[in-house]
PDB file of all heavy atoms in Angstrom:
ATOM      1  N   LEU A   1      -7.775 -12.150  -8.456  1.00  0.00           N
ATOM      2  CA  LEU A   1      -8.105 -10.738  -8.310  1.00  0.00           C
ATOM      3  C   LEU A   1      -7.133  -9.860  -9.091  1.00  0.00           C
ATOM      4  O   LEU A   1      -7.541  -8.883  -9.729  1.00  0.00           O
ATOM      5  CB  LEU A   1      -8.104 -10.343  -6.829  1.00  0.00           C
ATOM      6  CG  LEU A   1      -9.261 -10.897  -5.998  1.00  0.00           C
ATOM      7  CD1 LEU A   1      -8.992 -10.694  -4.510  1.00  0.00           C
ATOM      8  CD2 LEU A   1     -10.577 -10.229  -6.393  1.00  0.00           C
ATOM      9  N   VAL A   2      -5.857 -10.218  -9.060  1.00  0.00           N
ATOM     10  CA  VAL A   2      -4.861  -9.462  -9.814  1.00  0.00           C
ATOM     11  C   VAL A   2      -5.165  -9.546 -11.310  1.00  0.00           C
ATOM     12  O   VAL A   2      -5.162  -8.528 -12.027  1.00  0.00           O
ATOM     13  CB  VAL A   2      -3.441  -9.986  -9.520  1.00  0.00           C
ATOM     14  CG1 VAL A   2      -2.430  -9.386 -10.500  1.00  0.00           C
ATOM     15  CG2 VAL A   2      -3.037  -9.664  -8.076  1.00  0.00           C
ATOM     16  N   ALA A   3      -5.448 -10.750 -11.792  1.00  0.00           N
ATOM     17  CA  ALA A   3      -5.731 -10.930 -13.217  1.00  0.00           C
ATOM     18  C   ALA A   3      -6.976 -10.155 -13.638  1.00  0.00           C
ATOM     19  O   ALA A   3      -6.993  -9.520 -14.707  1.00  0.00           O
ATOM     20  CB  ALA A   3      -5.898 -12.411 -13.535  1.00  0.00           C
ATOM     21  N   ALA A   4      -8.012 -10.194 -12.794  1.00  0.00           N
ATOM     22  CA  ALA A   4      -9.256  -9.493 -13.138  1.00  0.00           C
ATOM     23  C   ALA A   4      -9.050  -7.988 -13.157  1.00  0.00           C
ATOM     24  O   ALA A   4      -9.586  -7.288 -14.028  1.00  0.00           O
ATOM     25  CB  ALA A   4     -10.349  -9.869 -12.133  1.00  0.00           C
ATOM     26  N   ALA A   5      -8.270  -7.479 -12.193  1.00  0.00           N
ATOM     27  CA  ALA A   5      -8.021  -6.035 -12.147  1.00  0.00           C
ATOM     28  C   ALA A   5      -7.215  -5.587 -13.360  1.00  0.00           C
ATOM     29  O   ALA A   5      -7.526  -4.560 -13.993  1.00  0.00           O
ATOM     30  CB  ALA A   5      -7.287  -5.674 -10.857  1.00  0.00           C
ATOM     31  N   LYS A   6      -6.205  -6.350 -13.712  1.00  0.00           N
ATOM     32  CA  LYS A   6      -5.384  -5.987 -14.873  1.00  0.00           C
ATOM     33  C   LYS A   6      -6.194  -6.078 -16.161  1.00  0.00           C
ATOM     34  O   LYS A   6      -6.009  -5.264 -17.081  1.00  0.00           O
ATOM     35  CB  LYS A   6      -4.155  -6.887 -14.936  1.00  0.00           C
ATOM     36  CG  LYS A   6      -3.124  -6.578 -13.854  1.00  0.00           C
ATOM     37  CD  LYS A   6      -1.890  -7.451 -13.993  1.00  0.00           C
ATOM     38  CE  LYS A   6      -0.833  -7.059 -12.968  1.00  0.00           C
ATOM     39  NZ  LYS A   6       0.391  -7.905 -13.072  1.00  0.00           N
ATOM     40  N   ALA A   7      -7.105  -7.046 -16.223  1.00  0.00           N
ATOM     41  CA  ALA A   7      -7.935  -7.187 -17.418  1.00  0.00           C
ATOM     42  C   ALA A   7      -8.835  -5.975 -17.626  1.00  0.00           C
ATOM     43  O   ALA A   7      -9.232  -5.668 -18.746  1.00  0.00           O
ATOM     44  CB  ALA A   7      -8.781  -8.455 -17.321  1.00  0.00           C
ATOM     45  N   ARG A   8      -9.122  -5.281 -16.523  1.00  0.00           N
ATOM     46  CA  ARG A   8      -9.954  -4.079 -16.617  1.00  0.00           C
ATOM     47  C   ARG A   8      -9.109  -2.805 -16.627  1.00  0.00           C
ATOM     48  O   ARG A   8      -9.607  -1.705 -16.420  1.00  0.00           O
ATOM     49  CB  ARG A   8     -10.984  -4.057 -15.487  1.00  0.00           C
ATOM     50  CG  ARG A   8     -12.005  -5.196 -15.666  1.00  0.00           C
ATOM     51  CD  ARG A   8     -13.175  -5.096 -14.717  1.00  0.00           C
ATOM     52  NE  ARG A   8     -13.889  -3.836 -14.821  1.00  0.00           N
ATOM     53  CZ  ARG A   8     -14.739  -3.527 -15.813  1.00  0.00           C
ATOM     54  NH1 ARG A   8     -14.949  -4.382 -16.804  1.00  0.00           N
ATOM     55  NH2 ARG A   8     -15.367  -2.367 -15.810  1.00  0.00           N
ATOM     56  N   GLY A   9      -7.805  -2.981 -16.847  1.00  0.00           N
ATOM     57  CA  GLY A   9      -6.939  -1.836 -17.067  1.00  0.00           C
ATOM     58  C   GLY A   9      -6.359  -1.189 -15.835  1.00  0.00           C
ATOM     59  O   GLY A   9      -5.774  -0.100 -15.908  1.00  0.00           O
ATOM     60  N   HIS A  10      -6.462  -1.836 -14.686  1.00  0.00           N
ATOM     61  CA  HIS A  10      -5.989  -1.238 -13.440  1.00  0.00           C
ATOM     62  C   HIS A  10      -4.563  -1.672 -13.100  1.00  0.00           C
ATOM     63  O   HIS A  10      -4.105  -2.744 -13.507  1.00  0.00           O
ATOM     64  CB  HIS A  10      -6.922  -1.603 -12.279  1.00  0.00           C
ATOM     65  CG  HIS A  10      -8.351  -1.247 -12.509  1.00  0.00           C
ATOM     66  ND1 HIS A  10      -8.748   0.015 -12.903  1.00  0.00           N
ATOM     67  CD2 HIS A  10      -9.488  -1.991 -12.423  1.00  0.00           C
ATOM     68  CE1 HIS A  10     -10.068   0.042 -13.034  1.00  0.00           C
ATOM     69  NE2 HIS A  10     -10.532  -1.165 -12.753  1.00  0.00           N
ATOM     70  N   HIS A  11      -3.886  -0.846 -12.325  1.00  0.00           N
ATOM     71  CA  HIS A  11      -2.580  -1.192 -11.758  1.00  0.00           C
ATOM     72  C   HIS A  11      -2.809  -1.839 -10.394  1.00  0.00           C
ATOM     73  O   HIS A  11      -3.617  -1.343  -9.600  1.00  0.00           O
ATOM     74  CB  HIS A  11      -1.709   0.052 -11.602  1.00  0.00           C
ATOM     75  CG  HIS A  11      -0.437  -0.205 -10.859  1.00  0.00           C
ATOM     76  ND1 HIS A  11       0.682  -0.756 -11.459  1.00  0.00           N
ATOM     77  CD2 HIS A  11      -0.120  -0.015  -9.545  1.00  0.00           C
ATOM     78  CE1 HIS A  11       1.636  -0.879 -10.556  1.00  0.00           C
ATOM     79  NE2 HIS A  11       1.182  -0.438  -9.384  1.00  0.00           N
ATOM     80  N   VAL A  12      -2.109  -2.933 -10.113  1.00  0.00           N
ATOM     81  CA  VAL A  12      -2.296  -3.647  -8.842  1.00  0.00           C
ATOM     82  C   VAL A  12      -0.947  -3.909  -8.181  1.00  0.00           C
ATOM     83  O   VAL A  12      -0.031  -4.449  -8.817  1.00  0.00           O
ATOM     84  CB  VAL A  12      -3.007  -5.003  -9.040  1.00  0.00           C
ATOM     85  CG1 VAL A  12      -3.399  -5.603  -7.687  1.00  0.00           C
ATOM     86  CG2 VAL A  12      -4.221  -4.867  -9.930  1.00  0.00           C
ATOM     87  N   ASP A  13      -0.837  -3.540  -6.908  1.00  0.00           N
ATOM     88  CA  ASP A  13       0.312  -3.905  -6.091  1.00  0.00           C
ATOM     89  C   ASP A  13      -0.125  -4.917  -5.040  1.00  0.00           C
ATOM     90  O   ASP A  13      -1.256  -4.849  -4.526  1.00  0.00           O
ATOM     91  CB  ASP A  13       0.890  -2.675  -5.375  1.00  0.00           C
ATOM     92  CG  ASP A  13       1.677  -1.766  -6.311  1.00  0.00           C
ATOM     93  OD1 ASP A  13       2.129  -2.246  -7.366  1.00  0.00           O
ATOM     94  OD2 ASP A  13       1.802  -0.570  -5.992  1.00  0.00           O
ATOM     95  N   LEU A  14       0.773  -5.834  -4.719  1.00  0.00           N
ATOM     96  CA  LEU A  14       0.547  -6.767  -3.618  1.00  0.00           C
ATOM     97  C   LEU A  14       1.333  -6.274  -2.416  1.00  0.00           C
ATOM     98  O   LEU A  14       2.556  -6.122  -2.491  1.00  0.00           O
ATOM     99  CB  LEU A  14       0.977  -8.176  -4.010  1.00  0.00           C
ATOM    100  CG  LEU A  14       0.214  -8.804  -5.184  1.00  0.00           C
ATOM    101  CD1 LEU A  14       0.751 -10.199  -5.474  1.00  0.00           C
ATOM    102  CD2 LEU A  14      -1.277  -8.854  -4.889  1.00  0.00           C
ATOM    103  N   ILE A  15       0.636  -6.010  -1.330  1.00  0.00           N
ATOM    104  CA  ILE A  15       1.256  -5.470  -0.127  1.00  0.00           C
ATOM    105  C   ILE A  15       1.276  -6.548   0.953  1.00  0.00           C
ATOM    106  O   ILE A  15       0.216  -7.021   1.385  1.00  0.00           O
ATOM    107  CB  ILE A  15       0.475  -4.233   0.390  1.00  0.00           C
ATOM    108  CG1 ILE A  15       0.369  -3.168  -0.701  1.00  0.00           C
ATOM    109  CG2 ILE A  15       1.137  -3.680   1.644  1.00  0.00           C
ATOM    110  CD1 ILE A  15       1.680  -2.630  -1.187  1.00  0.00           C
ATOM    111  N   ASN A  16       2.465  -6.954   1.353  1.00  0.00           N
ATOM    112  CA  ASN A  16       2.588  -7.941   2.422  1.00  0.00           C
ATOM    113  C   ASN A  16       2.235  -7.272   3.752  1.00  0.00           C
ATOM    114  O   ASN A  16       2.935  -6.373   4.219  1.00  0.00           O
ATOM    115  CB  ASN A  16       4.007  -8.507   2.477  1.00  0.00           C
ATOM    116  CG  ASN A  16       4.114  -9.692   3.424  1.00  0.00           C
ATOM    117  OD1 ASN A  16       3.504  -9.706   4.492  1.00  0.00           O
ATOM    118  ND2 ASN A  16       4.886 -10.688   3.027  1.00  0.00           N
ATOM    119  N   THR A  17       1.147  -7.729   4.349  1.00  0.00           N
ATOM    120  CA  THR A  17       0.653  -7.112   5.593  1.00  0.00           C
ATOM    121  C   THR A  17       1.701  -7.130   6.685  1.00  0.00           C
ATOM    122  O   THR A  17       1.819  -6.181   7.471  1.00  0.00           O
ATOM    123  CB  THR A  17      -0.607  -7.856   6.076  1.00  0.00           C
ATOM    124  OG1 THR A  17      -1.433  -8.185   4.953  1.00  0.00           O
ATOM    125  CG2 THR A  17      -1.405  -7.009   7.038  1.00  0.00           C
ATOM    126  N   MET A  18       2.494  -8.178   6.743  1.00  0.00           N
ATOM    127  CA  MET A  18       3.523  -8.297   7.784  1.00  0.00           C
ATOM    128  C   MET A  18       4.602  -7.232   7.640  1.00  0.00           C
ATOM    129  O   MET A  18       5.249  -6.874   8.627  1.00  0.00           O
ATOM    130  CB  MET A  18       4.159  -9.693   7.739  1.00  0.00           C
ATOM    131  CG  MET A  18       3.228 -10.824   8.101  1.00  0.00           C
ATOM    132  SD  MET A  18       4.047 -12.445   7.963  1.00  0.00           S
ATOM    133  CE  MET A  18       5.286 -12.305   9.245  1.00  0.00           C
ATOM    134  N   ASP A  19       4.797  -6.751   6.420  1.00  0.00           N
ATOM    135  CA  ASP A  19       5.868  -5.775   6.179  1.00  0.00           C
ATOM    136  C   ASP A  19       5.396  -4.330   6.337  1.00  0.00           C
ATOM    137  O   ASP A  19       6.164  -3.399   6.070  1.00  0.00           O
ATOM    138  CB  ASP A  19       6.434  -5.963   4.769  1.00  0.00           C
ATOM    139  CG  ASP A  19       7.187  -7.269   4.615  1.00  0.00           C
ATOM    140  OD1 ASP A  19       7.604  -7.830   5.645  1.00  0.00           O
ATOM    141  OD2 ASP A  19       7.344  -7.742   3.469  1.00  0.00           O
ATOM    142  N   CYS A  20       4.153  -4.142   6.761  1.00  0.00           N
ATOM    143  CA  CYS A  20       3.622  -2.784   6.954  1.00  0.00           C
ATOM    144  C   CYS A  20       3.908  -2.321   8.374  1.00  0.00           C
ATOM    145  O   CYS A  20       3.588  -3.023   9.351  1.00  0.00           O
ATOM    146  CB  CYS A  20       2.119  -2.750   6.701  1.00  0.00           C
ATOM    147  SG  CYS A  20       1.646  -2.975   4.981  1.00  0.00           S
ATOM    148  N   SER A  21       4.505  -1.146   8.500  1.00  0.00           N
ATOM    149  CA  SER A  21       4.692  -0.524   9.808  1.00  0.00           C
ATOM    150  C   SER A  21       3.844   0.736   9.870  1.00  0.00           C
ATOM    151  O   SER A  21       3.718   1.465   8.880  1.00  0.00           O
ATOM    152  CB  SER A  21       6.164  -0.199  10.067  1.00  0.00           C
ATOM    153  OG  SER A  21       6.690   0.622   9.044  1.00  0.00           O
ATOM    154  N   LEU A  22       3.238   0.982  11.020  1.00  0.00           N
ATOM    155  CA  LEU A  22       2.318   2.103  11.199  1.00  0.00           C
ATOM    156  C   LEU A  22       3.000   3.187  12.018  1.00  0.00           C
ATOM    157  O   LEU A  22       3.628   2.900  13.046  1.00  0.00           O
ATOM    158  CB  LEU A  22       1.046   1.634  11.913  1.00  0.00           C
ATOM    159  CG  LEU A  22       0.365   0.399  11.315  1.00  0.00           C
ATOM    160  CD1 LEU A  22      -0.888   0.047  12.109  1.00  0.00           C
ATOM    161  CD2 LEU A  22       0.021   0.615   9.850  1.00  0.00           C
ATOM    162  N   HIS A  23       2.852   4.430  11.585  1.00  0.00           N
ATOM    163  CA  HIS A  23       3.530   5.535  12.252  1.00  0.00           C
ATOM    164  C   HIS A  23       2.536   6.638  12.598  1.00  0.00           C
ATOM    165  O   HIS A  23       1.670   6.989  11.789  1.00  0.00           O
ATOM    166  CB  HIS A  23       4.639   6.090  11.354  1.00  0.00           C
ATOM    167  CG  HIS A  23       5.619   5.039  10.915  1.00  0.00           C
ATOM    168  ND1 HIS A  23       6.644   4.604  11.716  1.00  0.00           N
ATOM    169  CD2 HIS A  23       5.697   4.313   9.772  1.00  0.00           C
ATOM    170  CE1 HIS A  23       7.332   3.661  11.077  1.00  0.00           C
ATOM    171  NE2 HIS A  23       6.767   3.468   9.899  1.00  0.00           N
ATOM    172  N   VAL A  24       2.682   7.145  13.813  1.00  0.00           N
ATOM    173  CA  VAL A  24       1.863   8.257  14.294  1.00  0.00           C
ATOM    174  C   VAL A  24       2.812   9.342  14.782  1.00  0.00           C
ATOM    175  O   VAL A  24       3.634   9.111  15.682  1.00  0.00           O
ATOM    176  CB  VAL A  24       0.929   7.820  15.444  1.00  0.00           C
ATOM    177  CG1 VAL A  24       0.079   8.999  15.903  1.00  0.00           C
ATOM    178  CG2 VAL A  24       0.060   6.646  15.021  1.00  0.00           C
ATOM    179  N   GLU A  25       2.714  10.507  14.167  1.00  0.00           N
ATOM    180  CA  GLU A  25       3.568  11.634  14.563  1.00  0.00           C
ATOM    181  C   GLU A  25       2.690  12.883  14.685  1.00  0.00           C
ATOM    182  O   GLU A  25       2.260  13.446  13.677  1.00  0.00           O
ATOM    183  CB  GLU A  25       4.672  11.865  13.533  1.00  0.00           C
ATOM    184  CG  GLU A  25       5.666  12.948  13.947  1.00  0.00           C
ATOM    185  CD  GLU A  25       6.817  13.090  12.974  1.00  0.00           C
ATOM    186  OE1 GLU A  25       6.891  12.295  12.013  1.00  0.00           O
ATOM    187  OE2 GLU A  25       7.643  13.996  13.173  1.00  0.00           O
ATOM    188  N   GLY A  26       2.409  13.228  15.930  1.00  0.00           N
ATOM    189  CA  GLY A  26       1.495  14.344  16.155  1.00  0.00           C
ATOM    190  C   GLY A  26       0.121  14.001  15.603  1.00  0.00           C
ATOM    191  O   GLY A  26      -0.493  13.017  16.005  1.00  0.00           O
ATOM    192  N   SER A  27      -0.346  14.798  14.654  1.00  0.00           N
ATOM    193  CA  SER A  27      -1.649  14.548  14.045  1.00  0.00           C
ATOM    194  C   SER A  27      -1.527  13.855  12.685  1.00  0.00           C
ATOM    195  O   SER A  27      -2.502  13.794  11.930  1.00  0.00           O
ATOM    196  CB  SER A  27      -2.403  15.871  13.869  1.00  0.00           C
ATOM    197  OG  SER A  27      -1.660  16.760  13.036  1.00  0.00           O
ATOM    198  N   THR A  28      -0.340  13.321  12.395  1.00  0.00           N
ATOM    199  CA  THR A  28      -0.095  12.715  11.089  1.00  0.00           C
ATOM    200  C   THR A  28       0.035  11.194  11.214  1.00  0.00           C
ATOM    201  O   THR A  28       0.786  10.695  12.056  1.00  0.00           O
ATOM    202  CB  THR A  28       1.187  13.280  10.459  1.00  0.00           C
ATOM    203  OG1 THR A  28       1.066  14.692  10.330  1.00  0.00           O
ATOM    204  CG2 THR A  28       1.442  12.661   9.087  1.00  0.00           C
ATOM    205  N   LEU A  29      -0.692  10.492  10.367  1.00  0.00           N
ATOM    206  CA  LEU A  29      -0.605   9.043  10.288  1.00  0.00           C
ATOM    207  C   LEU A  29       0.060   8.664   8.974  1.00  0.00           C
ATOM    208  O   LEU A  29      -0.202   9.270   7.932  1.00  0.00           O
ATOM    209  CB  LEU A  29      -1.999   8.403  10.330  1.00  0.00           C
ATOM    210  CG  LEU A  29      -2.843   8.630  11.580  1.00  0.00           C
ATOM    211  CD1 LEU A  29      -4.239   8.062  11.376  1.00  0.00           C
ATOM    212  CD2 LEU A  29      -2.186   7.993  12.793  1.00  0.00           C
ATOM    213  N   SER A  30       0.907   7.654   9.013  1.00  0.00           N
ATOM    214  CA  SER A  30       1.530   7.164   7.780  1.00  0.00           C
ATOM    215  C   SER A  30       1.776   5.672   7.904  1.00  0.00           C
ATOM    216  O   SER A  30       1.752   5.097   8.994  1.00  0.00           O
ATOM    217  CB  SER A  30       2.839   7.902   7.487  1.00  0.00           C
ATOM    218  OG  SER A  30       3.786   7.675   8.517  1.00  0.00           O
ATOM    219  N   ILE A  31       2.015   5.057   6.756  1.00  0.00           N
ATOM    220  CA  ILE A  31       2.299   3.619   6.689  1.00  0.00           C
ATOM    221  C   ILE A  31       3.531   3.424   5.822  1.00  0.00           C
ATOM    222  O   ILE A  31       3.640   4.012   4.746  1.00  0.00           O
ATOM    223  CB  ILE A  31       1.116   2.840   6.087  1.00  0.00           C
ATOM    224  CG1 ILE A  31      -0.167   3.065   6.902  1.00  0.00           C
ATOM    225  CG2 ILE A  31       1.427   1.346   6.015  1.00  0.00           C
ATOM    226  CD1 ILE A  31      -1.404   2.442   6.279  1.00  0.00           C
ATOM    227  N   GLU A  32       4.440   2.595   6.307  1.00  0.00           N
ATOM    228  CA  GLU A  32       5.598   2.221   5.503  1.00  0.00           C
ATOM    229  C   GLU A  32       5.520   0.740   5.167  1.00  0.00           C
ATOM    230  O   GLU A  32       5.033  -0.075   5.961  1.00  0.00           O
ATOM    231  CB  GLU A  32       6.904   2.530   6.241  1.00  0.00           C
ATOM    232  CG  GLU A  32       7.195   4.017   6.349  1.00  0.00           C
ATOM    233  CD  GLU A  32       8.580   4.302   6.906  1.00  0.00           C
ATOM    234  OE1 GLU A  32       9.294   3.331   7.234  1.00  0.00           O
ATOM    235  OE2 GLU A  32       8.936   5.490   7.003  1.00  0.00           O
ATOM    236  N   HIS A  33       5.994   0.414   3.979  1.00  0.00           N
ATOM    237  CA  HIS A  33       6.017  -0.981   3.524  1.00  0.00           C
ATOM    238  C   HIS A  33       7.396  -1.262   2.960  1.00  0.00           C
ATOM    239  O   HIS A  33       7.832  -0.604   2.014  1.00  0.00           O
ATOM    240  CB  HIS A  33       4.940  -1.218   2.456  1.00  0.00           C
ATOM    241  CG  HIS A  33       4.938  -2.620   1.908  1.00  0.00           C
ATOM    242  ND1 HIS A  33       5.442  -2.929   0.666  1.00  0.00           N
ATOM    243  CD2 HIS A  33       4.513  -3.789   2.457  1.00  0.00           C
ATOM    244  CE1 HIS A  33       5.311  -4.222   0.463  1.00  0.00           C
ATOM    245  NE2 HIS A  33       4.754  -4.771   1.527  1.00  0.00           N
ATOM    246  N   GLY A  34       8.092  -2.186   3.581  1.00  0.00           N
ATOM    247  CA  GLY A  34       9.445  -2.492   3.127  1.00  0.00           C
ATOM    248  C   GLY A  34      10.391  -1.320   3.261  1.00  0.00           C
ATOM    249  O   GLY A  34      11.310  -1.160   2.455  1.00  0.00           O
ATOM    250  N   GLY A  35      10.159  -0.454   4.256  1.00  0.00           N
ATOM    251  CA  GLY A  35      11.050   0.667   4.509  1.00  0.00           C
ATOM    252  C   GLY A  35      10.740   1.926   3.729  1.00  0.00           C
ATOM    253  O   GLY A  35      11.443   2.932   3.878  1.00  0.00           O
ATOM    254  N   ALA A  36       9.699   1.904   2.896  1.00  0.00           N
ATOM    255  CA  ALA A  36       9.336   3.090   2.112  1.00  0.00           C
ATOM    256  C   ALA A  36       7.885   3.474   2.396  1.00  0.00           C
ATOM    257  O   ALA A  36       7.060   2.624   2.750  1.00  0.00           O
ATOM    258  CB  ALA A  36       9.518   2.821   0.616  1.00  0.00           C
ATOM    259  N   ARG A  37       7.588   4.763   2.245  1.00  0.00           N
ATOM    260  CA  ARG A  37       6.230   5.242   2.459  1.00  0.00           C
ATOM    261  C   ARG A  37       5.272   4.564   1.478  1.00  0.00           C
ATOM    262  O   ARG A  37       5.557   4.492   0.280  1.00  0.00           O
ATOM    263  CB  ARG A  37       6.176   6.763   2.279  1.00  0.00           C
ATOM    264  CG  ARG A  37       4.798   7.398   2.451  1.00  0.00           C
ATOM    265  CD  ARG A  37       4.361   7.408   3.902  1.00  0.00           C
ATOM    266  NE  ARG A  37       5.171   8.279   4.720  1.00  0.00           N
ATOM    267  CZ  ARG A  37       4.869   9.549   4.995  1.00  0.00           C
ATOM    268  NH1 ARG A  37       3.787  10.096   4.491  1.00  0.00           N
ATOM    269  NH2 ARG A  37       5.668  10.259   5.779  1.00  0.00           N
ATOM    270  N   LEU A  38       4.164   4.060   2.000  1.00  0.00           N
ATOM    271  CA  LEU A  38       3.178   3.399   1.149  1.00  0.00           C
ATOM    272  C   LEU A  38       2.552   4.420   0.205  1.00  0.00           C
ATOM    273  O   LEU A  38       2.122   5.489   0.635  1.00  0.00           O
ATOM    274  CB  LEU A  38       2.092   2.748   2.011  1.00  0.00           C
ATOM    275  CG  LEU A  38       1.209   1.702   1.324  1.00  0.00           C
ATOM    276  CD1 LEU A  38       2.019   0.434   1.033  1.00  0.00           C
ATOM    277  CD2 LEU A  38       0.018   1.355   2.224  1.00  0.00           C
ATOM    278  N   PRO A  39       2.508   4.137  -1.105  1.00  0.00           N
ATOM    279  CA  PRO A  39       1.896   5.088  -2.044  1.00  0.00           C
ATOM    280  C   PRO A  39       0.419   5.285  -1.742  1.00  0.00           C
ATOM    281  O   PRO A  39      -0.207   4.485  -1.053  1.00  0.00           O
ATOM    282  CB  PRO A  39       2.086   4.416  -3.414  1.00  0.00           C
ATOM    283  CG  PRO A  39       3.119   3.365  -3.211  1.00  0.00           C
ATOM    284  CD  PRO A  39       3.013   2.937  -1.789  1.00  0.00           C
ATOM    285  N   ARG A  40      -0.135   6.338  -2.303  1.00  0.00           N
ATOM    286  CA  ARG A  40      -1.563   6.589  -2.178  1.00  0.00           C
ATOM    287  C   ARG A  40      -2.308   5.750  -3.229  1.00  0.00           C
ATOM    288  O   ARG A  40      -2.039   5.863  -4.420  1.00  0.00           O
ATOM    289  CB  ARG A  40      -1.859   8.084  -2.403  1.00  0.00           C
ATOM    290  CG  ARG A  40      -3.329   8.444  -2.417  1.00  0.00           C
ATOM    291  CD  ARG A  40      -3.885   8.548  -1.027  1.00  0.00           C
ATOM    292  NE  ARG A  40      -5.308   8.829  -1.024  1.00  0.00           N
ATOM    293  CZ  ARG A  40      -5.962   9.320   0.014  1.00  0.00           C
ATOM    294  NH1 ARG A  40      -5.308   9.603   1.125  1.00  0.00           N
ATOM    295  NH2 ARG A  40      -7.255   9.530  -0.034  1.00  0.00           N
ATOM    296  N   TYR A  41      -3.224   4.907  -2.781  1.00  0.00           N
ATOM    297  CA  TYR A  41      -3.990   4.052  -3.689  1.00  0.00           C
ATOM    298  C   TYR A  41      -5.425   4.556  -3.791  1.00  0.00           C
ATOM    299  O   TYR A  41      -5.954   5.196  -2.875  1.00  0.00           O
ATOM    300  CB  TYR A  41      -3.977   2.600  -3.203  1.00  0.00           C
ATOM    301  CG  TYR A  41      -2.620   1.951  -3.290  1.00  0.00           C
ATOM    302  CD1 TYR A  41      -1.811   1.821  -2.160  1.00  0.00           C
ATOM    303  CD2 TYR A  41      -2.147   1.475  -4.512  1.00  0.00           C
ATOM    304  CE1 TYR A  41      -0.560   1.231  -2.243  1.00  0.00           C
ATOM    305  CE2 TYR A  41      -0.895   0.880  -4.602  1.00  0.00           C
ATOM    306  CZ  TYR A  41      -0.112   0.763  -3.474  1.00  0.00           C
ATOM    307  OH  TYR A  41       1.132   0.184  -3.558  1.00  0.00           O
ATOM    308  N   ASP A  42      -6.053   4.213  -4.915  1.00  0.00           N
ATOM    309  CA  ASP A  42      -7.462   4.563  -5.089  1.00  0.00           C
ATOM    310  C   ASP A  42      -8.360   3.657  -4.253  1.00  0.00           C
ATOM    311  O   ASP A  42      -9.446   4.068  -3.834  1.00  0.00           O
ATOM    312  CB  ASP A  42      -7.866   4.447  -6.566  1.00  0.00           C
ATOM    313  CG  ASP A  42      -7.172   5.489  -7.425  1.00  0.00           C
ATOM    314  OD1 ASP A  42      -7.147   6.664  -7.019  1.00  0.00           O
ATOM    315  OD2 ASP A  42      -6.646   5.124  -8.499  1.00  0.00           O
TER     316      ASP A  42
END
């Protein structure tokens, strides 16, 4: 999948599901991966 996406010109990150932490603060939801805010993906 990574090779096919790159062949079509896309950027691909691999996100380890175990390293994702979920945060709820008031009406705001966020996800951290490896201690940093997960970027916005298409």
